PDB file of N, CA and C in Angstrom:
ATOM      1  N   MET A   1      -9.472   4.067  18.134  1.00  0.00           N
ATOM      2  CA  MET A   1      -9.617   3.003  17.079  1.00  0.00           C
ATOM      3  C   MET A   1      -8.321   2.241  16.898  1.00  0.00           C
ATOM      4  N   LEU A   2      -8.457   0.987  16.701  1.00  0.00           N
ATOM      5  CA  LEU A   2      -7.255   0.135  16.404  1.00  0.00           C
ATOM      6  C   LEU A   2      -6.755   0.403  15.011  1.00  0.00           C
ATOM      7  N   MET A   3      -5.482   0.374  14.866  1.00  0.00           N
ATOM      8  CA  MET A   3      -4.873   0.635  13.538  1.00  0.00           C
ATOM      9  C   MET A   3      -3.847  -0.479  13.342  1.00  0.00           C
ATOM     10  N   ALA A   4      -3.720  -0.941  12.129  1.00  0.00           N
ATOM     11  CA  ALA A   4      -2.742  -1.978  11.869  1.00  0.00           C
ATOM     12  C   ALA A   4      -1.290  -1.514  12.071  1.00  0.00           C
ATOM     13  N   HIS A   5      -0.434  -2.450  12.269  1.00  0.00           N
ATOM     14  CA  HIS A   5       1.038  -2.113  12.509  1.00  0.00           C
ATOM     15  C   HIS A   5       1.537  -1.338  11.199  1.00  0.00           C
ATOM     16  N   PRO A   6       2.395  -0.367  11.442  1.00  0.00           N
ATOM     17  CA  PRO A   6       2.979   0.365  10.397  1.00  0.00           C
ATOM     18  C   PRO A   6       3.616  -0.457   9.258  1.00  0.00           C
ATOM     19  N   THR A   7       4.185  -1.564   9.582  1.00  0.00           N
ATOM     20  CA  THR A   7       4.779  -2.436   8.573  1.00  0.00           C
ATOM     21  C   THR A   7       3.772  -3.071   7.783  1.00  0.00           C
ATOM     22  N   VAL A   8       2.693  -3.401   8.368  1.00  0.00           N
ATOM     23  CA  VAL A   8       1.560  -4.032   7.554  1.00  0.00           C
ATOM     24  C   VAL A   8       0.959  -2.943   6.585  1.00  0.00           C
ATOM     25  N   LEU A   9       0.769  -1.726   7.128  1.00  0.00           N
ATOM     26  CA  LEU A   9       0.263  -0.629   6.316  1.00  0.00           C
ATOM     27  C   LEU A   9       1.179  -0.392   5.143  1.00  0.00           C
ATOM     28  N   ARG A  10       2.486  -0.280   5.490  1.00  0.00           N
ATOM     29  CA  ARG A  10       3.434   0.001   4.386  1.00  0.00           C
ATOM     30  C   ARG A  10       3.368  -1.052   3.342  1.00  0.00           C
ATOM     31  N   THR A  11       3.300  -2.281   3.695  1.00  0.00           N
ATOM     32  CA  THR A  11       3.182  -3.421   2.738  1.00  0.00           C
ATOM     33  C   THR A  11       1.959  -3.207   1.854  1.00  0.00           C
ATOM     34  N   LEU A  12       0.807  -2.875   2.446  1.00  0.00           N
ATOM     35  CA  LEU A  12      -0.478  -2.670   1.794  1.00  0.00           C
ATOM     36  C   LEU A  12      -0.386  -1.487   0.782  1.00  0.00           C
ATOM     37  N   VAL A  13       0.233  -0.427   1.255  1.00  0.00           N
ATOM     38  CA  VAL A  13       0.349   0.779   0.405  1.00  0.00           C
ATOM     39  C   VAL A  13       1.226   0.411  -0.830  1.00  0.00           C
ATOM     40  N   GLU A  14       2.334  -0.167  -0.584  1.00  0.00           N
ATOM     41  CA  GLU A  14       3.252  -0.649  -1.663  1.00  0.00           C
ATOM     42  C   GLU A  14       2.521  -1.539  -2.650  1.00  0.00           C
ATOM     43  N   ARG A  15       1.803  -2.491  -2.103  1.00  0.00           N
ATOM     44  CA  ARG A  15       1.056  -3.448  -2.921  1.00  0.00           C
ATOM     45  C   ARG A  15      -0.006  -2.725  -3.794  1.00  0.00           C
ATOM     46  N   TYR A  16      -0.773  -1.783  -3.159  1.00  0.00           N
ATOM     47  CA  TYR A  16      -1.672  -0.984  -3.852  1.00  0.00           C
ATOM     48  C   TYR A  16      -1.071  -0.260  -5.046  1.00  0.00           C
ATOM     49  N   GLU A  17       0.044   0.474  -4.754  1.00  0.00           N
ATOM     50  CA  GLU A  17       0.726   1.199  -5.821  1.00  0.00           C
ATOM     51  C   GLU A  17       1.201   0.380  -6.908  1.00  0.00           C
ATOM     52  N   ARG A  18       1.759  -0.777  -6.601  1.00  0.00           N
ATOM     53  CA  ARG A  18       2.258  -1.806  -7.584  1.00  0.00           C
ATOM     54  C   ARG A  18       1.030  -2.256  -8.465  1.00  0.00           C
ATOM     55  N   LEU A  19       0.074  -2.728  -7.800  1.00  0.00           N
ATOM     56  CA  LEU A  19      -1.220  -3.194  -8.561  1.00  0.00           C
ATOM     57  C   LEU A  19      -1.915  -2.153  -9.349  1.00  0.00           C
ATOM     58  N   SER A  20      -1.856  -0.949  -8.844  1.00  0.00           N
ATOM     59  CA  SER A  20      -2.501   0.198  -9.587  1.00  0.00           C
ATOM     60  C   SER A  20      -1.735   0.475 -10.833  1.00  0.00           C
ATOM     61  N   ALA A  21      -0.467   0.441 -10.745  1.00  0.00           N
ATOM     62  CA  ALA A  21       0.413   0.667 -11.936  1.00  0.00           C
ATOM     63  C   ALA A  21       0.137  -0.464 -12.983  1.00  0.00           C
ATOM     64  N   LEU A  22       0.128  -1.671 -12.535  1.00  0.00           N
ATOM     65  CA  LEU A  22      -0.220  -2.857 -13.415  1.00  0.00           C
ATOM     66  C   LEU A  22      -1.629  -2.663 -14.042  1.00  0.00           C
ATOM     67  N   SER A  23      -2.557  -2.358 -13.193  1.00  0.00           N
ATOM     68  CA  SER A  23      -3.957  -2.182 -13.678  1.00  0.00           C
ATOM     69  C   SER A  23      -4.060  -1.117 -14.631  1.00  0.00           C
ATOM     70  N   GLY A  24      -3.356  -0.048 -14.500  1.00  0.00           N
ATOM     71  CA  GLY A  24      -3.370   1.028 -15.385  1.00  0.00           C
ATOM     72  C   GLY A  24      -2.802   0.706 -16.772  1.00  0.00           C
ATOM     73  N   ARG A  25      -1.708  -0.050 -16.737  1.00  0.00           N
ATOM     74  CA  ARG A  25      -1.158  -0.527 -17.970  1.00  0.00           C
ATOM     75  C   ARG A  25      -2.032  -1.500 -18.761  1.00  0.00           C
ATOM     76  N   ARG A  26      -2.623  -2.420 -17.992  1.00  0.00           N
ATOM     77  CA  ARG A  26      -3.500  -3.406 -18.601  1.00  0.00           C
ATOM     78  C   ARG A  26      -4.890  -2.771 -18.868  1.00  0.00           C
ATOM     79  N   GLY A  27      -5.269  -1.679 -18.202  1.00  0.00           N
ATOM     80  CA  GLY A  27      -6.508  -1.111 -18.548  1.00  0.00           C
ATOM     81  C   GLY A  27      -6.657  -0.612 -19.915  1.00  0.00           C
ATOM     82  N   ALA A  28      -5.581  -0.287 -20.560  1.00  0.00           N
ATOM     83  CA  ALA A  28      -5.644   0.204 -21.956  1.00  0.00           C
ATOM     84  C   ALA A  28      -5.918  -0.939 -22.857  1.00  0.00           C
ATOM     85  N   GLU A  29      -5.638  -2.185 -22.488  1.00  0.00           N
ATOM     86  CA  GLU A  29      -5.918  -3.332 -23.317  1.00  0.00           C
ATOM     87  C   GLU A  29      -7.342  -3.786 -23.165  1.00  0.00           C
ATOM     88  N   THR A  30      -7.952  -4.160 -24.215  1.00  0.00           N
ATOM     89  CA  THR A  30      -9.356  -4.602 -24.104  1.00  0.00           C
ATOM     90  C   THR A  30      -9.564  -6.084 -23.710  1.00  0.00           C
ATOM     91  N   ALA A  31      -8.490  -6.880 -23.930  1.00  0.00           N
ATOM     92  CA  ALA A  31      -8.592  -8.217 -23.602  1.00  0.00           C
ATOM     93  C   ALA A  31      -7.209  -8.537 -22.788  1.00  0.00           C
ATOM     94  N   ASP A  32      -7.341  -9.607 -21.971  1.00  0.00           N
ATOM     95  CA  ASP A  32      -6.132  -9.989 -21.248  1.00  0.00           C
ATOM     96  C   ASP A  32      -5.386 -11.134 -21.839  1.00  0.00           C
ATOM     97  N   GLY A  33      -5.609 -11.363 -23.103  1.00  0.00           N
ATOM     98  CA  GLY A  33      -4.861 -12.425 -23.782  1.00  0.00           C
ATOM     99  C   GLY A  33      -5.458 -13.787 -23.487  1.00  0.00           C
ATOM    100  N   GLY A  34      -6.522 -13.888 -22.747  1.00  0.00           N
ATOM    101  CA  GLY A  34      -7.167 -15.146 -22.517  1.00  0.00           C
ATOM    102  C   GLY A  34      -6.561 -15.907 -21.356  1.00  0.00           C
ATOM    103  N   ASP A  35      -5.550 -15.287 -20.664  1.00  0.00           N
ATOM    104  CA  ASP A  35      -4.918 -15.973 -19.546  1.00  0.00           C
ATOM    105  C   ASP A  35      -5.525 -15.513 -18.194  1.00  0.00           C
ATOM    106  N   GLY A  36      -6.345 -14.513 -18.225  1.00  0.00           N
ATOM    107  CA  GLY A  36      -6.922 -14.067 -16.973  1.00  0.00           C
ATOM    108  C   GLY A  36      -6.078 -13.152 -16.192  1.00  0.00           C
ATOM    109  N   THR A  37      -4.961 -12.738 -16.754  1.00  0.00           N
ATOM    110  CA  THR A  37      -4.011 -11.853 -15.943  1.00  0.00           C
ATOM    111  C   THR A  37      -4.578 -10.512 -15.483  1.00  0.00           C
ATOM    112  N   ALA A  38      -5.290  -9.863 -16.447  1.00  0.00           N
ATOM    113  CA  ALA A  38      -5.900  -8.566 -16.163  1.00  0.00           C
ATOM    114  C   ALA A  38      -6.909  -8.659 -15.080  1.00  0.00           C
ATOM    115  N   SER A  39      -7.738  -9.663 -15.194  1.00  0.00           N
ATOM    116  CA  SER A  39      -8.854  -9.878 -14.180  1.00  0.00           C
ATOM    117  C   SER A  39      -8.194 -10.226 -12.871  1.00  0.00           C
ATOM    118  N   GLU A  40      -7.177 -11.036 -12.822  1.00  0.00           N
ATOM    119  CA  GLU A  40      -6.534 -11.326 -11.568  1.00  0.00           C
ATOM    120  C   GLU A  40      -5.869 -10.138 -10.965  1.00  0.00           C
ATOM    121  N   VAL A  41      -5.298  -9.245 -11.681  1.00  0.00           N
ATOM    122  CA  VAL A  41      -4.640  -7.994 -11.126  1.00  0.00           C
ATOM    123  C   VAL A  41      -5.801  -7.123 -10.594  1.00  0.00           C
ATOM    124  N   ARG A  42      -6.929  -6.988 -11.263  1.00  0.00           N
ATOM    125  CA  ARG A  42      -8.110  -6.240 -10.763  1.00  0.00           C
ATOM    126  C   ARG A  42      -8.562  -6.782  -9.405  1.00  0.00           C
ATOM    127  N   ARG A  43      -8.679  -8.109  -9.383  1.00  0.00           N
ATOM    128  CA  ARG A  43      -9.161  -8.807  -8.210  1.00  0.00           C
ATOM    129  C   ARG A  43      -8.253  -8.520  -7.004  1.00  0.00           C
ATOM    130  N   GLN A  44      -6.938  -8.657  -7.207  1.00  0.00           N
ATOM    131  CA  GLN A  44      -5.984  -8.379  -6.163  1.00  0.00           C
ATOM    132  C   GLN A  44      -5.977  -6.966  -5.735  1.00  0.00           C
ATOM    133  N   LEU A  45      -6.220  -5.985  -6.743  1.00  0.00           N
ATOM    134  CA  LEU A  45      -6.282  -4.603  -6.372  1.00  0.00           C
ATOM    135  C   LEU A  45      -7.509  -4.332  -5.543  1.00  0.00           C
ATOM    136  N   LEU A  46      -8.636  -4.887  -5.878  1.00  0.00           N
ATOM    137  CA  LEU A  46      -9.833  -4.750  -5.050  1.00  0.00           C
ATOM    138  C   LEU A  46      -9.669  -5.310  -3.696  1.00  0.00           C
ATOM    139  N   ASP A  47      -9.071  -6.458  -3.614  1.00  0.00           N
ATOM    140  CA  ASP A  47      -8.801  -7.049  -2.275  1.00  0.00           C
ATOM    141  C   ASP A  47      -7.904  -6.220  -1.406  1.00  0.00           C
ATOM    142  N   THR A  48      -6.897  -5.595  -2.081  1.00  0.00           N
ATOM    143  CA  THR A  48      -5.966  -4.709  -1.376  1.00  0.00           C
ATOM    144  C   THR A  48      -6.649  -3.399  -0.827  1.00  0.00           C
ATOM    145  N   VAL A  49      -7.483  -2.899  -1.699  1.00  0.00           N
ATOM    146  CA  VAL A  49      -8.279  -1.618  -1.366  1.00  0.00           C
ATOM    147  C   VAL A  49      -9.172  -1.996  -0.173  1.00  0.00           C
ATOM    148  N   TYR A  50      -9.871  -3.055  -0.223  1.00  0.00           N
ATOM    149  CA  TYR A  50     -10.718  -3.501   0.892  1.00  0.00           C
ATOM    150  C   TYR A  50      -9.883  -3.628   2.178  1.00  0.00           C
ATOM    151  N   THR A  51      -8.787  -4.298   2.101  1.00  0.00           N
ATOM    152  CA  THR A  51      -7.956  -4.493   3.319  1.00  0.00           C
ATOM    153  C   THR A  51      -7.387  -3.168   3.867  1.00  0.00           C
ATOM    154  N   LEU A  52      -6.967  -2.235   2.985  1.00  0.00           N
ATOM    155  CA  LEU A  52      -6.511  -0.924   3.397  1.00  0.00           C
ATOM    156  C   LEU A  52      -7.624  -0.216   4.044  1.00  0.00           C
ATOM    157  N   CYS A  53      -8.902  -0.184   3.509  1.00  0.00           N
ATOM    158  CA  CYS A  53      -9.952   0.501   4.103  1.00  0.00           C
ATOM    159  C   CYS A  53     -10.343  -0.126   5.530  1.00  0.00           C
ATOM    160  N   VAL A  54     -10.398  -1.380   5.557  1.00  0.00           N
ATOM    161  CA  VAL A  54     -10.630  -2.019   6.916  1.00  0.00           C
ATOM    162  C   VAL A  54      -9.570  -1.651   7.926  1.00  0.00           C
ATOM    163  N   SER A  55      -8.301  -1.769   7.441  1.00  0.00           N
ATOM    164  CA  SER A  55      -7.237  -1.544   8.366  1.00  0.00           C
ATOM    165  C   SER A  55      -7.098  -0.088   8.846  1.00  0.00           C
ATOM    166  N   THR A  56      -7.739   0.858   8.144  1.00  0.00           N
ATOM    167  CA  THR A  56      -7.595   2.227   8.526  1.00  0.00           C
ATOM    168  C   THR A  56      -8.939   2.851   8.926  1.00  0.00           C
ATOM    169  N   GLY A  57     -10.026   2.053   8.904  1.00  0.00           N
ATOM    170  CA  GLY A  57     -11.326   2.526   9.309  1.00  0.00           C
ATOM    171  C   GLY A  57     -12.005   3.460   8.409  1.00  0.00           C
ATOM    172  N   THR A  58     -11.605   3.377   7.100  1.00  0.00           N
ATOM    173  CA  THR A  58     -12.169   4.242   6.166  1.00  0.00           C
ATOM    174  C   THR A  58     -13.096   3.526   5.120  1.00  0.00           C
ATOM    175  N   ARG A  59     -13.713   4.186   4.204  1.00  0.00           N
ATOM    176  CA  ARG A  59     -14.579   3.500   3.246  1.00  0.00           C
ATOM    177  C   ARG A  59     -14.098   3.752   1.780  1.00  0.00           C
ATOM    178  N   GLU A  60     -13.104   4.508   1.529  1.00  0.00           N
ATOM    179  CA  GLU A  60     -12.725   4.765   0.177  1.00  0.00           C
ATOM    180  C   GLU A  60     -11.170   4.811   0.223  1.00  0.00           C
ATOM    181  N   VAL A  61     -10.569   4.469  -0.933  1.00  0.00           N
ATOM    182  CA  VAL A  61      -9.125   4.232  -1.015  1.00  0.00           C
ATOM    183  C   VAL A  61      -8.357   5.516  -0.777  1.00  0.00           C
ATOM    184  N   GLY A  62      -8.833   6.677  -1.265  1.00  0.00           N
ATOM    185  CA  GLY A  62      -8.056   7.931  -1.022  1.00  0.00           C
ATOM    186  C   GLY A  62      -7.855   8.196   0.425  1.00  0.00           C
ATOM    187  N   PRO A  63      -8.899   8.252   1.276  1.00  0.00           N
ATOM    188  CA  PRO A  63      -8.736   8.462   2.640  1.00  0.00           C
ATOM    189  C   PRO A  63      -7.957   7.333   3.302  1.00  0.00           C
ATOM    190  N   ALA A  64      -8.061   6.137   2.882  1.00  0.00           N
ATOM    191  CA  ALA A  64      -7.326   5.026   3.436  1.00  0.00           C
ATOM    192  C   ALA A  64      -5.801   5.179   3.196  1.00  0.00           C
ATOM    193  N   LEU A  65      -5.472   5.607   2.088  1.00  0.00           N
ATOM    194  CA  LEU A  65      -4.065   5.886   1.793  1.00  0.00           C
ATOM    195  C   LEU A  65      -3.517   7.020   2.661  1.00  0.00           C
ATOM    196  N   VAL A  66      -4.281   8.097   2.782  1.00  0.00           N
ATOM    197  CA  VAL A  66      -3.852   9.241   3.622  1.00  0.00           C
ATOM    198  C   VAL A  66      -3.646   8.789   5.039  1.00  0.00           C
ATOM    199  N   ALA A  67      -4.655   8.071   5.577  1.00  0.00           N
ATOM    200  CA  ALA A  67      -4.556   7.556   6.944  1.00  0.00           C
ATOM    201  C   ALA A  67      -3.411   6.574   7.125  1.00  0.00           C
ATOM    202  N   ALA A  68      -3.219   5.693   6.225  1.00  0.00           N
ATOM    203  CA  ALA A  68      -2.118   4.683   6.280  1.00  0.00           C
ATOM    204  C   ALA A  68      -0.767   5.452   6.267  1.00  0.00           C
ATOM    205  N   ARG A  69      -0.626   6.352   5.359  1.00  0.00           N
ATOM    206  CA  ARG A  69       0.657   7.124   5.263  1.00  0.00           C
ATOM    207  C   ARG A  69       0.960   7.865   6.485  1.00  0.00           C
ATOM    208  N   ALA A  70      -0.064   8.545   7.020  1.00  0.00           N
ATOM    209  CA  ALA A  70       0.101   9.316   8.217  1.00  0.00           C
ATOM    210  C   ALA A  70       0.468   8.440   9.417  1.00  0.00           C
ATOM    211  N   HIS A  71      -0.179   7.256   9.539  1.00  0.00           N
ATOM    212  CA  HIS A  71       0.224   6.329  10.670  1.00  0.00           C
ATOM    213  C   HIS A  71       1.591   5.854  10.484  1.00  0.00           C
ATOM    214  N   ILE A  72       2.008   5.529   9.262  1.00  0.00           N
ATOM    215  CA  ILE A  72       3.382   5.061   8.960  1.00  0.00           C
ATOM    216  C   ILE A  72       4.348   6.221   9.363  1.00  0.00           C
ATOM    217  N   GLU A  73       4.046   7.414   9.017  1.00  0.00           N
ATOM    218  CA  GLU A  73       4.940   8.559   9.316  1.00  0.00           C
ATOM    219  C   GLU A  73       5.057   8.793  10.768  1.00  0.00           C
ATOM    220  N   ARG A  74       3.957   8.632  11.518  1.00  0.00           N
ATOM    221  CA  ARG A  74       3.998   8.862  12.942  1.00  0.00           C
ATOM    222  C   ARG A  74       4.807   7.800  13.677  1.00  0.00           C
ATOM    223  N   HIS A  75       4.819   6.667  13.158  1.00  0.00           N
ATOM    224  CA  HIS A  75       5.454   5.537  13.891  1.00  0.00           C
ATOM    225  C   HIS A  75       6.793   5.040  13.265  1.00  0.00           C
ATOM    226  N   THR A  76       7.324   5.922  12.387  1.00  0.00           N
ATOM    227  CA  THR A  76       8.606   5.622  11.814  1.00  0.00           C
ATOM    228  C   THR A  76       9.653   6.392  12.555  1.00  0.00           C
ATOM    229  N   PHE A  77      10.613   5.626  13.123  1.00  0.00           N
ATOM    230  CA  PHE A  77      11.642   6.311  13.874  1.00  0.00           C
ATOM    231  C   PHE A  77      12.800   6.696  12.956  1.00  0.00           C
ATOM    232  N   ALA A  78      13.329   7.883  13.304  1.00  0.00           N
ATOM    233  CA  ALA A  78      14.542   8.403  12.533  1.00  0.00           C
ATOM    234  C   ALA A  78      15.718   7.476  12.947  1.00  0.00           C
ATOM    235  N   GLU A  79      16.634   7.381  11.942  1.00  0.00           N
ATOM    236  CA  GLU A  79      17.873   6.695  12.311  1.00  0.00           C
ATOM    237  C   GLU A  79      18.599   7.380  13.305  1.00  0.00           C
ATOM    238  N   PRO A  80      19.112   6.657  14.299  1.00  0.00           N
ATOM    239  CA  PRO A  80      19.913   7.324  15.413  1.00  0.00           C
ATOM    240  C   PRO A  80      21.215   7.930  14.871  1.00  0.00           C
ATOM    241  N   GLU A  81      21.473   9.096  15.332  1.00  0.00           N
ATOM    242  CA  GLU A  81      22.750   9.716  14.917  1.00  0.00           C
ATOM    243  C   GLU A  81      23.916   9.040  15.609  1.00  0.00           C
ATOM    244  N   VAL A  82      25.027   8.906  14.950  1.00  0.00           N
ATOM    245  CA  VAL A  82      26.199   8.392  15.546  1.00  0.00           C
ATOM    246  C   VAL A  82      26.926   9.610  16.225  1.00  0.00           C
ATOM    247  N   LEU A  83      27.185   9.388  17.429  1.00  0.00           N
ATOM    248  CA  LEU A  83      27.848  10.427  18.271  1.00  0.00           C
ATOM    249  C   LEU A  83      29.409  10.263  18.123  1.00  0.00           C
ATOM    250  N   GLY A  84      30.034  11.401  17.939  1.00  0.00           N
ATOM    251  CA  GLY A  84      31.461  11.418  17.885  1.00  0.00           C
ATOM    252  C   GLY A  84      32.063  10.990  16.515  1.00  0.00           C
ATOM    253  N   GLY A  85      31.297  10.742  15.555  1.00  0.00           N
ATOM    254  CA  GLY A  85      31.731  10.428  14.244  1.00  0.00           C
ATOM    255  C   GLY A  85      32.302   9.065  13.976  1.00  0.00           C
ATOM    256  N   SER A  86      33.119   8.457  14.789  1.00  0.00           N
ATOM    257  CA  SER A  86      33.592   7.122  14.572  1.00  0.00           C
ATOM    258  C   SER A  86      33.594   6.367  15.819  1.00  0.00           C
ATOM    259  N   ALA A  87      33.523   5.080  15.650  1.00  0.00           N
ATOM    260  CA  ALA A  87      33.465   4.198  16.817  1.00  0.00           C
ATOM    261  C   ALA A  87      34.924   3.925  17.277  1.00  0.00           C
ATOM    262  N   ALA A  88      35.115   3.778  18.502  1.00  0.00           N
ATOM    263  CA  ALA A  88      36.500   3.613  19.006  1.00  0.00           C
ATOM    264  C   ALA A  88      36.701   2.121  19.392  1.00  0.00           C
TER     265      ALA A  88
END
């Protein structure tokens, strides 16, 4: 199966987390103040969930996040160690 580039997945996961936090804070409010902010956040969150699911070949956000994080982890390279302590 094709999988999105780890950088794309990282961006999607971060966006999902940010929008989820915003949605949670706004979810306690019954109205969005008339400016449509809460509904815009919800729409962006749903779009992000959809993109995460398509990008990971899943149908629900939980498994999509697990798959995305696993793919990111597998393809993240450790920082190279500096040999000898200091450059000459």
